[in-house]
Amino acid sequence: MIIRIVLFLTMLAFGLMMLADLLVILSLPSLPELFTQLGVVILLSAFLLLVLIGLLMITKHIVLALKTYFSVCQRLQRRLWFIQAKQDRLLRLLYFKRVQISYFTKLKRKQLLYINDKQQLQVLSKEIAKDLLRIKLHLPKVIYLQLQQEHRQWLAQQDMEALLILQEKIDGIVK
């Protein structure tokens, strides 16, 4: 509707200016200037009306957008999205915490197993050394030195199974 009014005013202004040109051709002294000024004023008012209506519509859209943005429904929707994003972030964090805890648990378990193996190795070595000293007098020197050399070799290699076999061998000799 507003655009029709603006177009009508524009056509009216152009019509007045053409009438002013016609009056110039007819040699009427003051009427062409009056019609020209009236045409310019109507043309400027048409453009001013168009600009004002445009600004009014933009302002209306901004106000509606602000009303919508600050409405209860939109605030709740944004809050829901925020909570969902936070939940997703926490789930990802939980996954990485689990991975980290699992990694450190495995690392600690390896360390404890290594320390325990070392302690068990030392205990077994001391037992073998005691058993060797105890049976030293009952064995030929060659066998005793061979057993002692095996003991040092397996202890240097930290081979628990070989030391257990050596202990069983020494226990078999004692009996």
C-alpha atoms as a PDB file:
ATOM      1  CA  MET A   1       0.000   0.000   0.000  1.00  0.00           C
ATOM      2  CA  ILE A   2       2.775   2.399   0.984  1.00  0.00           C
ATOM      3  CA  ILE A   3       4.697   1.607  -2.186  1.00  0.00           C
ATOM      4  CA  ARG A   4       1.620   2.483  -4.251  1.00  0.00           C
ATOM      5  CA  ILE A   5       1.413   5.841  -2.508  1.00  0.00           C
ATOM      6  CA  VAL A   6       5.114   6.487  -3.141  1.00  0.00           C
ATOM      7  CA  LEU A   7       4.758   5.500  -6.813  1.00  0.00           C
ATOM      8  CA  PHE A   8       1.664   7.723  -7.133  1.00  0.00           C
ATOM      9  CA  LEU A   9       3.530  10.689  -5.603  1.00  0.00           C
ATOM     10  CA  THR A  10       6.505  10.064  -7.890  1.00  0.00           C
ATOM     11  CA  MET A  11       4.297   9.947 -10.980  1.00  0.00           C
ATOM     12  CA  LEU A  12       2.486  13.075  -9.795  1.00  0.00           C
ATOM     13  CA  ALA A  13       5.824  14.860  -9.350  1.00  0.00           C
ATOM     14  CA  PHE A  14       6.989  13.853 -12.850  1.00  0.00           C
ATOM     15  CA  GLY A  15       3.633  14.896 -14.241  1.00  0.00           C
ATOM     16  CA  LEU A  16       3.931  18.336 -12.589  1.00  0.00           C
ATOM     17  CA  MET A  17       7.449  18.747 -13.974  1.00  0.00           C
ATOM     18  CA  MET A  18       6.273  17.863 -17.502  1.00  0.00           C
ATOM     19  CA  LEU A  19       3.429  20.345 -17.059  1.00  0.00           C
ATOM     20  CA  ALA A  20       6.010  22.941 -16.053  1.00  0.00           C
ATOM     21  CA  ASP A  21       7.956  22.169 -19.268  1.00  0.00           C
ATOM     22  CA  LEU A  22       4.747  22.557 -21.244  1.00  0.00           C
ATOM     23  CA  LEU A  23       4.066  25.896 -19.531  1.00  0.00           C
ATOM     24  CA  VAL A  24       7.603  27.049 -20.402  1.00  0.00           C
ATOM     25  CA  ILE A  25       6.884  26.241 -24.036  1.00  0.00           C
ATOM     26  CA  LEU A  26       3.633  28.192 -23.776  1.00  0.00           C
ATOM     27  CA  SER A  27       5.583  31.135 -22.315  1.00  0.00           C
ATOM     28  CA  LEU A  28       3.645  31.597 -19.121  1.00  0.00           C
ATOM     29  CA  PRO A  29       5.940  33.532 -16.756  1.00  0.00           C
ATOM     30  CA  SER A  30       5.529  32.342 -13.134  1.00  0.00           C
ATOM     31  CA  LEU A  31       3.509  29.127 -13.340  1.00  0.00           C
ATOM     32  CA  PRO A  32       6.335  26.847 -14.616  1.00  0.00           C
ATOM     33  CA  GLU A  33       8.560  27.733 -11.657  1.00  0.00           C
ATOM     34  CA  LEU A  34       5.711  27.081  -9.205  1.00  0.00           C
ATOM     35  CA  PHE A  35       4.884  23.687 -10.784  1.00  0.00           C
ATOM     36  CA  THR A  36       8.580  22.738 -10.846  1.00  0.00           C
ATOM     37  CA  GLN A  37       9.003  23.561  -7.161  1.00  0.00           C
ATOM     38  CA  LEU A  38       5.768  21.725  -6.328  1.00  0.00           C
ATOM     39  CA  GLY A  39       6.987  18.686  -8.350  1.00  0.00           C
ATOM     40  CA  VAL A  40      10.363  18.683  -6.551  1.00  0.00           C
ATOM     41  CA  VAL A  41       8.674  18.924  -3.143  1.00  0.00           C
ATOM     42  CA  ILE A  42       6.301  16.056  -3.991  1.00  0.00           C
ATOM     43  CA  LEU A  43       9.198  13.937  -5.326  1.00  0.00           C
ATOM     44  CA  LEU A  44      11.279  14.596  -2.198  1.00  0.00           C
ATOM     45  CA  SER A  45       8.280  13.840   0.027  1.00  0.00           C
ATOM     46  CA  ALA A  46       7.783  10.523  -1.849  1.00  0.00           C
ATOM     47  CA  PHE A  47      11.404   9.537  -1.246  1.00  0.00           C
ATOM     48  CA  LEU A  48      11.225  10.727   2.368  1.00  0.00           C
ATOM     49  CA  LEU A  49       8.076   8.672   2.884  1.00  0.00           C
ATOM     50  CA  LEU A  50       9.824   5.637   1.387  1.00  0.00           C
ATOM     51  CA  VAL A  51      12.850   6.088   3.666  1.00  0.00           C
ATOM     52  CA  LEU A  52      10.698   6.629   6.762  1.00  0.00           C
ATOM     53  CA  ILE A  53       8.590   3.556   6.033  1.00  0.00           C
ATOM     54  CA  GLY A  54      11.787   1.540   5.495  1.00  0.00           C
ATOM     55  CA  LEU A  55      13.213   2.732   8.826  1.00  0.00           C
ATOM     56  CA  LEU A  56       9.906   2.006  10.539  1.00  0.00           C
ATOM     57  CA  MET A  57       9.840  -1.537   9.142  1.00  0.00           C
ATOM     58  CA  ILE A  58      13.447  -2.156  10.144  1.00  0.00           C
ATOM     59  CA  THR A  59      12.728  -0.875  13.650  1.00  0.00           C
ATOM     60  CA  LYS A  60       9.630  -3.082  13.824  1.00  0.00           C
ATOM     61  CA  HIS A  61      11.655  -6.145  12.796  1.00  0.00           C
ATOM     62  CA  ILE A  62      14.371  -5.321  15.347  1.00  0.00           C
ATOM     63  CA  VAL A  63      11.804  -4.947  18.128  1.00  0.00           C
ATOM     64  CA  LEU A  64      10.136  -8.228  17.149  1.00  0.00           C
ATOM     65  CA  ALA A  65      13.502  -9.986  17.009  1.00  0.00           C
ATOM     66  CA  LEU A  66      14.400  -8.645  20.454  1.00  0.00           C
ATOM     67  CA  LYS A  67      11.016  -9.720  21.845  1.00  0.00           C
ATOM     68  CA  THR A  68      11.501 -13.175  20.384  1.00  0.00           C
ATOM     69  CA  TYR A  69      15.082 -13.397  21.638  1.00  0.00           C
ATOM     70  CA  PHE A  70      14.124 -12.469  25.194  1.00  0.00           C
ATOM     71  CA  SER A  71      10.924 -14.503  25.259  1.00  0.00           C
ATOM     72  CA  VAL A  72      10.549 -17.246  27.849  1.00  0.00           C
ATOM     73  CA  CYS A  73      10.429 -19.976  25.221  1.00  0.00           C
ATOM     74  CA  GLN A  74      13.656 -18.832  23.559  1.00  0.00           C
ATOM     75  CA  ARG A  75      15.450 -18.385  26.883  1.00  0.00           C
ATOM     76  CA  LEU A  76      14.471 -21.909  27.904  1.00  0.00           C
ATOM     77  CA  GLN A  77      15.590 -23.242  24.518  1.00  0.00           C
ATOM     78  CA  ARG A  78      18.988 -21.533  24.839  1.00  0.00           C
ATOM     79  CA  ARG A  79      19.296 -22.837  28.412  1.00  0.00           C
ATOM     80  CA  LEU A  80      18.515 -26.348  27.207  1.00  0.00           C
ATOM     81  CA  TRP A  81      21.151 -26.088  24.467  1.00  0.00           C
ATOM     82  CA  PHE A  82      23.663 -24.812  27.030  1.00  0.00           C
ATOM     83  CA  ILE A  83      22.927 -27.720  29.376  1.00  0.00           C
ATOM     84  CA  GLN A  84      23.168 -30.231  26.522  1.00  0.00           C
ATOM     85  CA  ALA A  85      26.512 -28.786  25.415  1.00  0.00           C
ATOM     86  CA  LYS A  86      27.763 -28.893  29.000  1.00  0.00           C
ATOM     87  CA  GLN A  87      26.613 -32.501  29.349  1.00  0.00           C
ATOM     88  CA  ASP A  88      28.377 -33.462  26.115  1.00  0.00           C
ATOM     89  CA  ARG A  89      31.542 -31.746  27.316  1.00  0.00           C
ATOM     90  CA  LEU A  90      31.355 -33.560  30.671  1.00  0.00           C
ATOM     91  CA  LEU A  91      30.824 -36.921  28.943  1.00  0.00           C
ATOM     92  CA  ARG A  92      33.896 -36.345  26.786  1.00  0.00           C
ATOM     93  CA  LEU A  93      35.827 -35.298  29.888  1.00  0.00           C
ATOM     94  CA  LEU A  94      34.645 -38.425  31.713  1.00  0.00           C
ATOM     95  CA  TYR A  95      35.850 -40.619  28.854  1.00  0.00           C
ATOM     96  CA  PHE A  96      39.298 -39.024  28.876  1.00  0.00           C
ATOM     97  CA  LYS A  97      39.461 -39.239  32.687  1.00  0.00           C
ATOM     98  CA  ARG A  98      38.693 -42.963  32.418  1.00  0.00           C
ATOM     99  CA  VAL A  99      41.433 -43.413  29.848  1.00  0.00           C
ATOM    100  CA  GLN A 100      43.859 -41.459  32.025  1.00  0.00           C
ATOM    101  CA  ILE A 101      42.963 -43.439  35.180  1.00  0.00           C
ATOM    102  CA  SER A 102      43.299 -46.696  33.269  1.00  0.00           C
ATOM    103  CA  TYR A 103      46.707 -45.651  31.952  1.00  0.00           C
ATOM    104  CA  PHE A 104      48.026 -44.628  35.371  1.00  0.00           C
ATOM    105  CA  THR A 105      46.580 -47.765  36.990  1.00  0.00           C
ATOM    106  CA  LYS A 106      48.360 -49.977  34.458  1.00  0.00           C
ATOM    107  CA  LEU A 107      51.564 -48.017  34.961  1.00  0.00           C
ATOM    108  CA  LYS A 108      51.335 -48.320  38.766  1.00  0.00           C
ATOM    109  CA  ARG A 109      50.539 -52.033  38.459  1.00  0.00           C
ATOM    110  CA  LYS A 110      53.637 -52.531  36.285  1.00  0.00           C
ATOM    111  CA  GLN A 111      55.764 -50.646  38.789  1.00  0.00           C
ATOM    112  CA  LEU A 112      54.406 -52.676  41.697  1.00  0.00           C
ATOM    113  CA  LEU A 113      54.904 -55.932  39.805  1.00  0.00           C
ATOM    114  CA  TYR A 114      58.461 -54.953  38.957  1.00  0.00           C
ATOM    115  CA  ILE A 115      59.210 -54.085  42.599  1.00  0.00           C
ATOM    116  CA  ASN A 116      57.512 -57.273  43.817  1.00  0.00           C
ATOM    117  CA  ASP A 117      59.427 -59.387  41.297  1.00  0.00           C
ATOM    118  CA  LYS A 118      62.669 -57.803  42.428  1.00  0.00           C
ATOM    119  CA  GLN A 119      61.863 -58.499  46.073  1.00  0.00           C
ATOM    120  CA  GLN A 120      60.858 -62.075  45.306  1.00  0.00           C
ATOM    121  CA  LEU A 121      64.048 -62.492  43.301  1.00  0.00           C
ATOM    122  CA  GLN A 122      66.131 -61.250  46.235  1.00  0.00           C
ATOM    123  CA  VAL A 123      64.324 -63.515  48.705  1.00  0.00           C
ATOM    124  CA  LEU A 124      64.750 -66.512  46.413  1.00  0.00           C
ATOM    125  CA  SER A 125      68.409 -65.672  45.858  1.00  0.00           C
ATOM    126  CA  LYS A 126      69.052 -65.460  49.605  1.00  0.00           C
ATOM    127  CA  GLU A 127      67.321 -68.812  50.132  1.00  0.00           C
ATOM    128  CA  ILE A 128      69.417 -70.395  47.388  1.00  0.00           C
ATOM    129  CA  ALA A 129      72.588 -68.877  48.890  1.00  0.00           C
ATOM    130  CA  LYS A 130      71.650 -70.268  52.346  1.00  0.00           C
ATOM    131  CA  ASP A 131      70.876 -73.688  50.893  1.00  0.00           C
ATOM    132  CA  LEU A 132      74.188 -73.677  49.007  1.00  0.00           C
ATOM    133  CA  LEU A 133      76.126 -72.800  52.173  1.00  0.00           C
ATOM    134  CA  ARG A 134      74.292 -75.466  54.098  1.00  0.00           C
ATOM    135  CA  ILE A 135      75.085 -78.229  51.602  1.00  0.00           C
ATOM    136  CA  LYS A 136      78.580 -76.997  50.736  1.00  0.00           C
ATOM    137  CA  LEU A 137      80.285 -79.626  52.868  1.00  0.00           C
ATOM    138  CA  HIS A 138      78.152 -82.478  51.498  1.00  0.00           C
ATOM    139  CA  LEU A 139      78.863 -81.754  47.795  1.00  0.00           C
ATOM    140  CA  PRO A 140      81.930 -82.167  45.628  1.00  0.00           C
ATOM    141  CA  LYS A 141      83.625 -78.829  44.987  1.00  0.00           C
ATOM    142  CA  VAL A 142      82.982 -78.963  41.218  1.00  0.00           C
ATOM    143  CA  ILE A 143      79.216 -79.413  41.650  1.00  0.00           C
ATOM    144  CA  TYR A 144      79.120 -76.725  44.356  1.00  0.00           C
ATOM    145  CA  LEU A 145      80.965 -74.230  42.102  1.00  0.00           C
ATOM    146  CA  GLN A 146      78.729 -75.137  39.176  1.00  0.00           C
ATOM    147  CA  LEU A 147      75.588 -74.531  41.289  1.00  0.00           C
ATOM    148  CA  GLN A 148      77.010 -71.272  42.600  1.00  0.00           C
ATOM    149  CA  GLN A 149      77.879 -70.142  39.062  1.00  0.00           C
ATOM    150  CA  GLU A 150      74.337 -70.981  37.860  1.00  0.00           C
ATOM    151  CA  HIS A 151      72.963 -69.031  40.817  1.00  0.00           C
ATOM    152  CA  ARG A 152      74.996 -65.918  39.900  1.00  0.00           C
ATOM    153  CA  GLN A 153      74.144 -66.261  36.210  1.00  0.00           C
ATOM    154  CA  TRP A 154      70.360 -66.532  36.769  1.00  0.00           C
ATOM    155  CA  LEU A 155      70.468 -63.771  39.357  1.00  0.00           C
ATOM    156  CA  ALA A 156      72.305 -61.469  36.934  1.00  0.00           C
ATOM    157  CA  GLN A 157      69.733 -62.267  34.236  1.00  0.00           C
ATOM    158  CA  GLN A 158      66.914 -61.888  36.809  1.00  0.00           C
ATOM    159  CA  ASP A 159      65.402 -65.138  35.590  1.00  0.00           C
ATOM    160  CA  MET A 160      62.949 -66.166  38.303  1.00  0.00           C
ATOM    161  CA  GLU A 161      61.956 -69.454  36.671  1.00  0.00           C
ATOM    162  CA  ALA A 162      65.559 -70.587  36.272  1.00  0.00           C
ATOM    163  CA  LEU A 163      66.227 -69.740  39.927  1.00  0.00           C
ATOM    164  CA  LEU A 164      63.170 -71.785  40.968  1.00  0.00           C
ATOM    165  CA  ILE A 165      64.454 -74.722  38.928  1.00  0.00           C
ATOM    166  CA  LEU A 166      67.876 -74.294  40.559  1.00  0.00           C
ATOM    167  CA  GLN A 167      66.255 -74.302  44.014  1.00  0.00           C
ATOM    168  CA  GLU A 168      64.357 -77.484  43.191  1.00  0.00           C
ATOM    169  CA  LYS A 169      67.621 -79.011  41.985  1.00  0.00           C
ATOM    170  CA  ILE A 170      69.341 -78.039  45.263  1.00  0.00           C
ATOM    171  CA  ASP A 171      66.387 -79.398  47.264  1.00  0.00           C
ATOM    172  CA  GLY A 172      66.646 -82.642  45.295  1.00  0.00           C
ATOM    173  CA  ILE A 173      70.356 -82.893  46.145  1.00  0.00           C
ATOM    174  CA  VAL A 174      69.714 -82.299  49.850  1.00  0.00           C
ATOM    175  CA  LYS A 175      67.188 -85.120  50.085  1.00  0.00           C
END
